[in-house]
Amino acid sequence: TDKNIQQLRCVRLKKDHPTVFLANEKMFPTLLSENIKNRMAFEYLMSWYLLTKQLDKVVGNIKRLKELGYSAIPRHYEEAIFIYAYAKKEAVFLHGYDAGPEAHRQIEGFSKVFNSYGRNKQAAIHNLAEDYGGSYIFYHLYGFSGVKK
C-alpha cells in the first residue's frame, strides 16, 4: 500500500529480459512497451538519443509527449528538432506543439556567432561557449557541454 513502492513497481521491468540487464538503448523501449506512461524511461531514452546524436529518433518520438503529459517540447528536444530540420531541409511535424521562440532565438544567435567565424569550429568555440555552452546545439557541434561563463 506504500505509494513510493507502488510508483517504483509501475516503472520497473515486469519480467526478466536476458538481453536487457544494463541501462541501454534496448532497456528503455522495453520499459515503455510494458508501460507507455513511464515518463522516466522515455526521458532516459530521449537523453540517449540526444547524447548519441540520433536526431531522427528524437523527432520520431515527439508524438509521445502528449500522452506523457508534456505541455511543451523540452528545450533540448526543440534544438535537436531545429538541427534535424536544417540538415534534412524539411519541416518537422510537431504533433500540435509549437516550437518555442526561445529555442529559435538560441539557434539563430548560435548560427550568427558561428557564421561570423567563417563556420570554423575551433575559432568560434570560446565565443560560443560563453553564451551557448549549455545548449544542445553546442553539444551537437563539439561533443561536450556544460561550459560555464
Protein backbone atom coordinates (compact mmCIF):
# COMPACT_ATOMS: atom_id res chain seq x y z
CA THR A 1 0.00 0.00 0.00
CA ASP A 2 3.03 2.28 0.13
CA LYS A 3 2.75 4.92 -2.61
CA ASN A 4 6.51 5.04 -3.25
CA ILE A 5 6.74 1.29 -3.70
CA GLN A 6 3.69 1.31 -5.98
CA GLN A 7 5.31 4.01 -8.12
CA LEU A 8 8.54 2.00 -8.40
CA ARG A 9 6.63 -1.14 -9.32
CA CYS A 10 4.86 0.80 -12.05
CA VAL A 11 8.12 1.76 -13.81
CA ARG A 12 10.23 -1.38 -13.37
CA LEU A 13 10.68 -4.20 -15.85
CA LYS A 14 7.80 -6.65 -15.46
CA LYS A 15 9.78 -9.74 -16.42
CA ASP A 16 13.39 -10.71 -16.89
CA HIS A 17 14.87 -9.93 -20.28
CA PRO A 18 18.23 -11.68 -20.76
CA THR A 19 19.46 -9.10 -23.26
CA VAL A 20 18.33 -6.14 -21.16
CA PHE A 21 20.38 -6.22 -17.99
CA LEU A 22 22.11 -2.86 -18.26
CA ALA A 23 20.65 0.58 -18.81
CA ASN A 24 20.96 0.91 -22.57
CA GLU A 25 19.03 1.73 -25.69
CA LYS A 26 17.22 -1.64 -25.58
CA MET A 27 16.06 -1.37 -21.99
CA PHE A 28 14.11 1.87 -22.29
CA PRO A 29 11.90 0.82 -25.23
CA THR A 30 11.19 -2.40 -23.32
CA LEU A 31 10.14 -0.40 -20.26
CA LEU A 32 7.94 1.79 -22.47
CA SER A 33 6.33 -1.22 -24.14
CA GLU A 34 5.41 -2.52 -20.68
CA ASN A 35 4.11 0.86 -19.51
CA ILE A 36 3.58 3.57 -22.15
CA LYS A 37 3.19 6.17 -19.37
CA ASN A 38 6.69 5.52 -17.99
CA ARG A 39 7.97 9.06 -18.31
CA MET A 40 11.29 8.27 -16.66
CA ALA A 41 12.08 5.57 -19.26
CA PHE A 42 11.05 7.96 -22.02
CA GLU A 43 13.32 10.71 -20.73
CA TYR A 44 16.28 8.36 -20.40
CA LEU A 45 15.66 7.08 -23.92
CA MET A 46 15.46 10.59 -25.33
CA SER A 47 18.63 11.53 -23.43
CA TRP A 48 20.36 8.55 -25.01
CA TYR A 49 19.22 9.67 -28.46
CA LEU A 50 20.47 13.21 -27.81
CA LEU A 51 23.83 12.03 -26.47
CA THR A 52 24.35 9.69 -29.43
CA LYS A 53 23.05 12.32 -31.89
CA GLN A 54 20.23 10.13 -33.21
CA LEU A 55 18.08 13.10 -34.12
CA ASP A 56 15.76 11.06 -36.33
CA LYS A 57 14.73 9.10 -33.23
CA VAL A 58 14.27 12.28 -31.18
CA VAL A 59 11.97 13.62 -33.91
CA GLY A 60 10.19 10.27 -34.19
CA ASN A 61 9.30 10.31 -30.51
CA ILE A 62 7.85 13.82 -30.30
CA LYS A 63 4.41 12.27 -30.81
CA ARG A 64 4.73 10.62 -27.36
CA LEU A 65 5.00 13.91 -25.48
CA LYS A 66 1.23 14.46 -25.21
CA GLU A 67 0.47 11.03 -23.76
CA LEU A 68 3.22 11.61 -21.18
CA GLY A 69 1.75 14.93 -20.07
CA TYR A 70 4.20 17.43 -21.55
CA SER A 71 2.72 20.90 -22.00
CA ALA A 72 5.59 21.96 -24.28
CA ILE A 73 8.53 20.42 -26.08
CA PRO A 74 11.60 20.48 -23.80
CA ARG A 75 14.26 22.95 -24.92
CA HIS A 76 16.96 20.42 -25.87
CA TYR A 77 14.44 18.42 -27.90
CA GLU A 78 13.47 21.64 -29.70
CA GLU A 79 17.08 22.41 -30.51
CA ALA A 80 17.57 18.86 -31.81
CA ILE A 81 14.46 19.26 -33.99
CA PHE A 82 15.83 22.51 -35.46
CA ILE A 83 19.17 20.82 -36.23
CA TYR A 84 17.38 17.85 -37.82
CA ALA A 85 15.07 20.06 -39.91
CA TYR A 86 18.01 22.15 -41.09
CA ALA A 87 20.07 19.09 -42.04
CA LYS A 88 17.17 17.39 -43.84
CA LYS A 89 15.87 20.64 -45.34
CA GLU A 90 12.33 19.67 -44.40
CA ALA A 91 9.72 20.71 -41.87
CA VAL A 92 9.08 18.50 -38.85
CA PHE A 93 5.54 17.70 -37.74
CA LEU A 94 5.31 18.74 -34.08
CA HIS A 95 2.07 16.91 -33.19
CA GLY A 96 0.23 20.01 -32.02
CA TYR A 97 3.14 21.70 -30.28
CA ASP A 98 4.69 24.98 -31.30
CA ALA A 99 8.43 25.46 -31.47
CA GLY A 100 9.23 27.86 -28.67
CA PRO A 101 10.60 31.29 -29.54
CA GLU A 102 13.49 30.80 -27.09
CA ALA A 103 14.82 27.77 -28.95
CA HIS A 104 14.51 29.66 -32.22
CA ARG A 105 16.43 32.63 -30.77
CA GLN A 106 19.04 30.22 -29.41
CA ILE A 107 19.61 28.63 -32.82
CA GLU A 108 19.65 32.00 -34.61
CA GLY A 109 22.13 33.50 -32.14
CA PHE A 110 24.37 30.45 -32.23
CA SER A 111 24.34 30.44 -36.04
CA LYS A 112 25.15 34.13 -36.21
CA VAL A 113 28.21 33.75 -33.97
CA PHE A 114 29.33 30.54 -35.68
CA ASN A 115 28.99 32.08 -39.15
CA SER A 116 30.91 35.20 -38.06
CA TYR A 117 33.91 32.90 -37.58
CA GLY A 118 33.53 31.50 -41.09
CA ARG A 119 31.99 28.33 -39.64
CA ASN A 120 35.37 27.47 -38.11
CA LYS A 121 34.61 25.34 -35.03
CA GLN A 122 37.94 25.92 -33.31
CA ALA A 123 37.91 29.67 -33.86
CA ALA A 124 34.33 30.04 -32.59
CA ILE A 125 34.46 27.76 -29.55
CA HIS A 126 35.29 30.31 -26.87
CA ASN A 127 32.73 32.84 -28.02
CA LEU A 128 30.05 30.17 -28.43
CA ALA A 129 30.81 28.57 -25.06
CA GLU A 130 30.19 31.87 -23.32
CA ASP A 131 26.51 32.10 -24.26
CA TYR A 132 25.64 28.66 -25.63
CA GLY A 133 27.81 26.19 -23.69
CA GLY A 134 24.75 24.62 -22.06
CA SER A 135 22.76 24.26 -25.27
CA TYR A 136 22.16 21.10 -27.25
CA ILE A 137 23.42 22.73 -30.43
CA PHE A 138 26.77 23.35 -28.71
CA TYR A 139 26.91 19.70 -27.62
CA HIS A 140 25.94 18.52 -31.11
CA LEU A 141 28.76 20.50 -32.69
CA TYR A 142 31.51 19.96 -30.11
CA GLY A 143 30.59 16.71 -28.35
CA PHE A 144 30.57 18.18 -24.84
CA SER A 145 28.53 20.73 -22.92
CA GLY A 146 28.15 22.35 -19.56
CA VAL A 147 30.61 25.10 -20.30
CA LYS A 148 30.08 27.95 -17.85
CA LYS A 149 30.54 31.65 -18.41
